[in-house]
Amino acid sequence: MIDRELHNRIAYFNCCILAFAEKFNLSGAEAYRYLRNFMGLDFLNEFYDVEHTQSIDDAIDDLITVCQRNGGKLA
């Protein structure tokens, strides 16, 4: 992975984590742990090429679905 792509991924992940935190009134650390534990971050990494072309709201909706399918209870 080239440095620019890595930088863009990190920025996108951070944006998604913070938007998720805001939606559920969590701290950034709590949102990160939730998304890590329920496969949300794995999903973002695997489907980054598609997800980053959509709105953040769409990405959050996708994260909610993925995490619920993996045992997450936030909704």
PDB file of N, CA and C in Angstrom:
ATOM      1  N   MET A   1       0.856  -1.167   0.000  1.00  0.00           N
ATOM      2  CA  MET A   1       0.000   0.000   0.000  1.00  0.00           C
ATOM      3  C   MET A   1       0.907   1.236   0.000  1.00  0.00           C
ATOM      4  N   ILE A   2       0.612   2.190  -0.852  1.00  0.00           N
ATOM      5  CA  ILE A   2       1.426   3.401  -0.902  1.00  0.00           C
ATOM      6  C   ILE A   2       1.072   4.320   0.256  1.00  0.00           C
ATOM      7  N   ASP A   3       1.983   5.209   0.591  1.00  0.00           N
ATOM      8  CA  ASP A   3       1.790   6.087   1.742  1.00  0.00           C
ATOM      9  C   ASP A   3       0.538   6.942   1.637  1.00  0.00           C
ATOM     10  N   ARG A   4       0.262   7.463   0.448  1.00  0.00           N
ATOM     11  CA  ARG A   4      -0.923   8.309   0.286  1.00  0.00           C
ATOM     12  C   ARG A   4      -2.198   7.517   0.540  1.00  0.00           C
ATOM     13  N   GLU A   5      -2.264   6.305   0.008  1.00  0.00           N
ATOM     14  CA  GLU A   5      -3.443   5.477   0.233  1.00  0.00           C
ATOM     15  C   GLU A   5      -3.597   5.140   1.713  1.00  0.00           C
ATOM     16  N   LEU A   6      -2.509   4.826   2.373  1.00  0.00           N
ATOM     17  CA  LEU A   6      -2.552   4.545   3.807  1.00  0.00           C
ATOM     18  C   LEU A   6      -3.042   5.765   4.573  1.00  0.00           C
ATOM     19  N   HIS A   7      -2.529   6.924   4.247  1.00  0.00           N
ATOM     20  CA  HIS A   7      -2.975   8.170   4.882  1.00  0.00           C
ATOM     21  C   HIS A   7      -4.476   8.369   4.675  1.00  0.00           C
ATOM     22  N   ASN A   8      -4.955   8.150   3.453  1.00  0.00           N
ATOM     23  CA  ASN A   8      -6.376   8.321   3.158  1.00  0.00           C
ATOM     24  C   ASN A   8      -7.235   7.323   3.918  1.00  0.00           C
ATOM     25  N   ARG A   9      -6.772   6.081   4.019  1.00  0.00           N
ATOM     26  CA  ARG A   9      -7.520   5.072   4.781  1.00  0.00           C
ATOM     27  C   ARG A   9      -7.624   5.460   6.252  1.00  0.00           C
ATOM     28  N   ILE A  10      -6.518   5.874   6.814  1.00  0.00           N
ATOM     29  CA  ILE A  10      -6.511   6.251   8.229  1.00  0.00           C
ATOM     30  C   ILE A  10      -7.461   7.422   8.470  1.00  0.00           C
ATOM     31  N   ALA A  11      -7.416   8.408   7.609  1.00  0.00           N
ATOM     32  CA  ALA A  11      -8.302   9.568   7.742  1.00  0.00           C
ATOM     33  C   ALA A  11      -9.769   9.141   7.624  1.00  0.00           C
ATOM     34  N   TYR A  12     -10.058   8.252   6.680  1.00  0.00           N
ATOM     35  CA  TYR A  12     -11.429   7.774   6.487  1.00  0.00           C
ATOM     36  C   TYR A  12     -11.897   6.957   7.686  1.00  0.00           C
ATOM     37  N   PHE A  13     -11.054   6.057   8.166  1.00  0.00           N
ATOM     38  CA  PHE A  13     -11.406   5.266   9.353  1.00  0.00           C
ATOM     39  C   PHE A  13     -11.694   6.182  10.530  1.00  0.00           C
ATOM     40  N   ASN A  14     -10.835   7.161  10.737  1.00  0.00           N
ATOM     41  CA  ASN A  14     -11.013   8.090  11.846  1.00  0.00           C
ATOM     42  C   ASN A  14     -12.339   8.834  11.716  1.00  0.00           C
ATOM     43  N   CYS A  15     -12.646   9.296  10.520  1.00  0.00           N
ATOM     44  CA  CYS A  15     -13.900   9.997  10.280  1.00  0.00           C
ATOM     45  C   CYS A  15     -15.096   9.101  10.586  1.00  0.00           C
ATOM     46  N   CYS A  16     -15.053   7.868  10.126  1.00  0.00           N
ATOM     47  CA  CYS A  16     -16.148   6.930  10.377  1.00  0.00           C
ATOM     48  C   CYS A  16     -16.291   6.613  11.862  1.00  0.00           C
ATOM     49  N   ILE A  17     -15.185   6.404  12.532  1.00  0.00           N
ATOM     50  CA  ILE A  17     -15.231   6.099  13.972  1.00  0.00           C
ATOM     51  C   ILE A  17     -15.847   7.265  14.739  1.00  0.00           C
ATOM     52  N   LEU A  18     -15.428   8.476  14.428  1.00  0.00           N
ATOM     53  CA  LEU A  18     -15.944   9.643  15.140  1.00  0.00           C
ATOM     54  C   LEU A  18     -17.414   9.905  14.807  1.00  0.00           C
ATOM     55  N   ALA A  19     -17.819   9.679  13.567  1.00  0.00           N
ATOM     56  CA  ALA A  19     -19.232   9.832  13.196  1.00  0.00           C
ATOM     57  C   ALA A  19     -20.084   8.776  13.896  1.00  0.00           C
ATOM     58  N   PHE A  20     -19.568   7.558  13.987  1.00  0.00           N
ATOM     59  CA  PHE A  20     -20.261   6.489  14.695  1.00  0.00           C
ATOM     60  C   PHE A  20     -20.391   6.849  16.171  1.00  0.00           C
ATOM     61  N   ALA A  21     -19.319   7.350  16.756  1.00  0.00           N
ATOM     62  CA  ALA A  21     -19.331   7.764  18.164  1.00  0.00           C
ATOM     63  C   ALA A  21     -20.386   8.832  18.399  1.00  0.00           C
ATOM     64  N   GLU A  22     -20.437   9.808  17.515  1.00  0.00           N
ATOM     65  CA  GLU A  22     -21.410  10.891  17.668  1.00  0.00           C
ATOM     66  C   GLU A  22     -22.838  10.366  17.565  1.00  0.00           C
ATOM     67  N   LYS A  23     -23.098   9.485  16.620  1.00  0.00           N
ATOM     68  CA  LYS A  23     -24.443   8.946  16.426  1.00  0.00           C
ATOM     69  C   LYS A  23     -24.941   8.222  17.675  1.00  0.00           C
ATOM     70  N   PHE A  24     -24.056   7.527  18.359  1.00  0.00           N
ATOM     71  CA  PHE A  24     -24.460   6.732  19.519  1.00  0.00           C
ATOM     72  C   PHE A  24     -24.019   7.333  20.851  1.00  0.00           C
ATOM     73  N   ASN A  25     -23.568   8.584  20.814  1.00  0.00           N
ATOM     74  CA  ASN A  25     -23.160   9.288  22.034  1.00  0.00           C
ATOM     75  C   ASN A  25     -22.085   8.494  22.796  1.00  0.00           C
ATOM     76  N   LEU A  26     -21.078   8.057  22.058  1.00  0.00           N
ATOM     77  CA  LEU A  26     -19.949   7.318  22.624  1.00  0.00           C
ATOM     78  C   LEU A  26     -18.694   8.174  22.520  1.00  0.00           C
ATOM     79  N   SER A  27     -17.699   7.835  23.301  1.00  0.00           N
ATOM     80  CA  SER A  27     -16.391   8.456  23.098  1.00  0.00           C
ATOM     81  C   SER A  27     -15.760   7.818  21.858  1.00  0.00           C
ATOM     82  N   GLY A  28     -14.745   8.451  21.329  1.00  0.00           N
ATOM     83  CA  GLY A  28     -14.037   7.874  20.192  1.00  0.00           C
ATOM     84  C   GLY A  28     -13.458   6.514  20.525  1.00  0.00           C
ATOM     85  N   ALA A  29     -12.920   6.380  21.741  1.00  0.00           N
ATOM     86  CA  ALA A  29     -12.330   5.107  22.166  1.00  0.00           C
ATOM     87  C   ALA A  29     -13.397   4.016  22.278  1.00  0.00           C
ATOM     88  N   GLU A  30     -14.558   4.362  22.807  1.00  0.00           N
ATOM     89  CA  GLU A  30     -15.641   3.377  22.928  1.00  0.00           C
ATOM     90  C   GLU A  30     -16.118   2.929  21.545  1.00  0.00           C
ATOM     91  N   ALA A  31     -16.265   3.885  20.639  1.00  0.00           N
ATOM     92  CA  ALA A  31     -16.695   3.551  19.278  1.00  0.00           C
ATOM     93  C   ALA A  31     -15.651   2.665  18.604  1.00  0.00           C
ATOM     94  N   TYR A  32     -14.377   2.998  18.765  1.00  0.00           N
ATOM     95  CA  TYR A  32     -13.302   2.190  18.183  1.00  0.00           C
ATOM     96  C   TYR A  32     -13.374   0.753  18.698  1.00  0.00           C
ATOM     97  N   ARG A  33     -13.510   0.576  20.011  1.00  0.00           N
ATOM     98  CA  ARG A  33     -13.567  -0.770  20.592  1.00  0.00           C
ATOM     99  C   ARG A  33     -14.783  -1.545  20.086  1.00  0.00           C
ATOM    100  N   TYR A  34     -15.923  -0.866  20.024  1.00  0.00           N
ATOM    101  CA  TYR A  34     -17.142  -1.522  19.534  1.00  0.00           C
ATOM    102  C   TYR A  34     -16.952  -1.977  18.089  1.00  0.00           C
ATOM    103  N   LEU A  35     -16.471  -1.080  17.244  1.00  0.00           N
ATOM    104  CA  LEU A  35     -16.288  -1.402  15.829  1.00  0.00           C
ATOM    105  C   LEU A  35     -15.228  -2.484  15.628  1.00  0.00           C
ATOM    106  N   ARG A  36     -14.196  -2.484  16.459  1.00  0.00           N
ATOM    107  CA  ARG A  36     -13.170  -3.526  16.388  1.00  0.00           C
ATOM    108  C   ARG A  36     -13.753  -4.866  16.835  1.00  0.00           C
ATOM    109  N   ASN A  37     -14.478  -4.860  17.941  1.00  0.00           N
ATOM    110  CA  ASN A  37     -15.011  -6.106  18.506  1.00  0.00           C
ATOM    111  C   ASN A  37     -16.059  -6.765  17.628  1.00  0.00           C
ATOM    112  N   PHE A  38     -16.843  -5.955  16.907  1.00  0.00           N
ATOM    113  CA  PHE A  38     -17.947  -6.505  16.121  1.00  0.00           C
ATOM    114  C   PHE A  38     -17.710  -6.416  14.614  1.00  0.00           C
ATOM    115  N   MET A  39     -16.423  -6.410  14.224  1.00  0.00           N
ATOM    116  CA  MET A  39     -15.976  -6.558  12.841  1.00  0.00           C
ATOM    117  C   MET A  39     -16.241  -5.352  11.938  1.00  0.00           C
ATOM    118  N   GLY A  40     -16.618  -4.214  12.509  1.00  0.00           N
ATOM    119  CA  GLY A  40     -16.857  -3.028  11.701  1.00  0.00           C
ATOM    120  C   GLY A  40     -15.592  -2.511  11.033  1.00  0.00           C
ATOM    121  N   LEU A  41     -14.490  -2.509  11.768  1.00  0.00           N
ATOM    122  CA  LEU A  41     -13.236  -2.021  11.187  1.00  0.00           C
ATOM    123  C   LEU A  41     -12.719  -2.974  10.110  1.00  0.00           C
ATOM    124  N   ASP A  42     -12.900  -4.265  10.319  1.00  0.00           N
ATOM    125  CA  ASP A  42     -12.524  -5.235   9.287  1.00  0.00           C
ATOM    126  C   ASP A  42     -13.334  -4.992   8.013  1.00  0.00           C
ATOM    127  N   PHE A  43     -14.620  -4.714   8.197  1.00  0.00           N
ATOM    128  CA  PHE A  43     -15.486  -4.417   7.058  1.00  0.00           C
ATOM    129  C   PHE A  43     -14.999  -3.168   6.316  1.00  0.00           C
ATOM    130  N   LEU A  44     -14.713  -2.101   7.057  1.00  0.00           N
ATOM    131  CA  LEU A  44     -14.228  -0.874   6.412  1.00  0.00           C
ATOM    132  C   LEU A  44     -12.935  -1.118   5.651  1.00  0.00           C
ATOM    133  N   ASN A  45     -12.062  -1.902   6.216  1.00  0.00           N
ATOM    134  CA  ASN A  45     -10.798  -2.190   5.557  1.00  0.00           C
ATOM    135  C   ASN A  45     -11.003  -3.028   4.287  1.00  0.00           C
ATOM    136  N   GLU A  46     -11.820  -4.052   4.393  1.00  0.00           N
ATOM    137  CA  GLU A  46     -12.041  -4.934   3.251  1.00  0.00           C
ATOM    138  C   GLU A  46     -12.770  -4.237   2.103  1.00  0.00           C
ATOM    139  N   PHE A  47     -13.718  -3.369   2.447  1.00  0.00           N
ATOM    140  CA  PHE A  47     -14.542  -2.729   1.415  1.00  0.00           C
ATOM    141  C   PHE A  47     -14.273  -1.231   1.288  1.00  0.00           C
ATOM    142  N   TYR A  48     -13.092  -0.819   1.697  1.00  0.00           N
ATOM    143  CA  TYR A  48     -12.715   0.596   1.621  1.00  0.00           C
ATOM    144  C   TYR A  48     -12.907   1.156   0.216  1.00  0.00           C
ATOM    145  N   ASP A  49     -12.530   0.400  -0.793  1.00  0.00           N
ATOM    146  CA  ASP A  49     -12.599   0.897  -2.171  1.00  0.00           C
ATOM    147  C   ASP A  49     -14.014   1.317  -2.565  1.00  0.00           C
ATOM    148  N   VAL A  50     -15.032   0.678  -2.019  1.00  0.00           N
ATOM    149  CA  VAL A  50     -16.424   1.039  -2.294  1.00  0.00           C
ATOM    150  C   VAL A  50     -16.949   2.017  -1.245  1.00  0.00           C
ATOM    151  N   GLU A  51     -16.710   1.718   0.012  1.00  0.00           N
ATOM    152  CA  GLU A  51     -17.284   2.514   1.104  1.00  0.00           C
ATOM    153  C   GLU A  51     -16.857   3.984   1.054  1.00  0.00           C
ATOM    154  N   HIS A  52     -15.601   4.251   0.723  1.00  0.00           N
ATOM    155  CA  HIS A  52     -15.146   5.644   0.774  1.00  0.00           C
ATOM    156  C   HIS A  52     -15.733   6.494  -0.352  1.00  0.00           C
ATOM    157  N   THR A  53     -16.408   5.867  -1.300  1.00  0.00           N
ATOM    158  CA  THR A  53     -17.063   6.638  -2.364  1.00  0.00           C
ATOM    159  C   THR A  53     -18.488   7.022  -1.994  1.00  0.00           C
ATOM    160  N   GLN A  54     -18.985   6.502  -0.886  1.00  0.00           N
ATOM    161  CA  GLN A  54     -20.341   6.789  -0.424  1.00  0.00           C
ATOM    162  C   GLN A  54     -20.298   7.840   0.678  1.00  0.00           C
ATOM    163  N   SER A  55     -21.463   8.296   1.081  1.00  0.00           N
ATOM    164  CA  SER A  55     -21.533   9.271   2.167  1.00  0.00           C
ATOM    165  C   SER A  55     -21.160   8.612   3.492  1.00  0.00           C
ATOM    166  N   ILE A  56     -20.761   9.413   4.436  1.00  0.00           N
ATOM    167  CA  ILE A  56     -20.460   8.908   5.775  1.00  0.00           C
ATOM    168  C   ILE A  56     -21.712   8.296   6.397  1.00  0.00           C
ATOM    169  N   ASP A  57     -22.877   8.905   6.159  1.00  0.00           N
ATOM    170  CA  ASP A  57     -24.122   8.346   6.691  1.00  0.00           C
ATOM    171  C   ASP A  57     -24.363   6.938   6.155  1.00  0.00           C
ATOM    172  N   ASP A  58     -24.103   6.722   4.877  1.00  0.00           N
ATOM    173  CA  ASP A  58     -24.246   5.374   4.309  1.00  0.00           C
ATOM    174  C   ASP A  58     -23.248   4.410   4.940  1.00  0.00           C
ATOM    175  N   ALA A  59     -22.022   4.871   5.148  1.00  0.00           N
ATOM    176  CA  ALA A  59     -21.010   4.022   5.786  1.00  0.00           C
ATOM    177  C   ALA A  59     -21.435   3.654   7.202  1.00  0.00           C
ATOM    178  N   ILE A  60     -21.990   4.609   7.944  1.00  0.00           N
ATOM    179  CA  ILE A  60     -22.441   4.334   9.318  1.00  0.00           C
ATOM    180  C   ILE A  60     -23.575   3.313   9.293  1.00  0.00           C
ATOM    181  N   ASP A  61     -24.508   3.476   8.362  1.00  0.00           N
ATOM    182  CA  ASP A  61     -25.595   2.493   8.242  1.00  0.00           C
ATOM    183  C   ASP A  61     -25.037   1.102   7.952  1.00  0.00           C
ATOM    184  N   ASP A  62     -24.048   1.018   7.072  1.00  0.00           N
ATOM    185  CA  ASP A  62     -23.423  -0.268   6.774  1.00  0.00           C
ATOM    186  C   ASP A  62     -22.721  -0.836   8.001  1.00  0.00           C
ATOM    187  N   LEU A  63     -22.035   0.020   8.751  1.00  0.00           N
ATOM    188  CA  LEU A  63     -21.356  -0.436   9.974  1.00  0.00           C
ATOM    189  C   LEU A  63     -22.350  -0.971  10.991  1.00  0.00           C
ATOM    190  N   ILE A  64     -23.479  -0.308  11.129  1.00  0.00           N
ATOM    191  CA  ILE A  64     -24.516  -0.769  12.062  1.00  0.00           C
ATOM    192  C   ILE A  64     -24.962  -2.175  11.671  1.00  0.00           C
ATOM    193  N   THR A  65     -25.228  -2.378  10.386  1.00  0.00           N
ATOM    194  CA  THR A  65     -25.677  -3.685   9.894  1.00  0.00           C
ATOM    195  C   THR A  65     -24.629  -4.758  10.138  1.00  0.00           C
ATOM    196  N   VAL A  66     -23.385  -4.471   9.781  1.00  0.00           N
ATOM    197  CA  VAL A  66     -22.300  -5.448   9.952  1.00  0.00           C
ATOM    198  C   VAL A  66     -22.130  -5.797  11.429  1.00  0.00           C
ATOM    199  N   CYS A  67     -22.083  -4.790  12.278  1.00  0.00           N
ATOM    200  CA  CYS A  67     -21.865  -5.041  13.706  1.00  0.00           C
ATOM    201  C   CYS A  67     -23.035  -5.816  14.321  1.00  0.00           C
ATOM    202  N   GLN A  68     -24.254  -5.501  13.923  1.00  0.00           N
ATOM    203  CA  GLN A  68     -25.409  -6.244  14.436  1.00  0.00           C
ATOM    204  C   GLN A  68     -25.320  -7.715  14.021  1.00  0.00           C
ATOM    205  N   ARG A  69     -24.896  -7.967  12.797  1.00  0.00           N
ATOM    206  CA  ARG A  69     -24.764  -9.353  12.326  1.00  0.00           C
ATOM    207  C   ARG A  69     -23.676 -10.111  13.072  1.00  0.00           C
ATOM    208  N   ASN A  70     -22.777  -9.370  13.707  1.00  0.00           N
ATOM    209  CA  ASN A  70     -21.703  -9.986  14.463  1.00  0.00           C
ATOM    210  C   ASN A  70     -21.883  -9.848  15.968  1.00  0.00           C
ATOM    211  N   GLY A  71     -23.115  -9.618  16.398  1.00  0.00           N
ATOM    212  CA  GLY A  71     -23.436  -9.621  17.815  1.00  0.00           C
ATOM    213  C   GLY A  71     -23.525  -8.275  18.484  1.00  0.00           C
ATOM    214  N   GLY A  72     -23.297  -7.189  17.763  1.00  0.00           N
ATOM    215  CA  GLY A  72     -23.393  -5.851  18.344  1.00  0.00           C
ATOM    216  C   GLY A  72     -24.823  -5.491  18.669  1.00  0.00           C
ATOM    217  N   LYS A  73     -25.015  -4.748  19.734  1.00  0.00           N
ATOM    218  CA  LYS A  73     -26.373  -4.441  20.202  1.00  0.00           C
ATOM    219  C   LYS A  73     -26.788  -2.985  19.983  1.00  0.00           C
ATOM    220  N   LEU A  74     -25.882  -2.112  19.548  1.00  0.00           N
ATOM    221  CA  LEU A  74     -26.260  -0.723  19.322  1.00  0.00           C
ATOM    222  C   LEU A  74     -27.134  -0.612  18.076  1.00  0.00           C
ATOM    223  N   ALA A  75     -28.148   0.214  18.154  1.00  0.00           N
ATOM    224  CA  ALA A  75     -28.977   0.479  16.963  1.00  0.00           C
ATOM    225  C   ALA A  75     -29.823   1.700  17.181  1.00  0.00           C
TER     226      ALA A  75
END
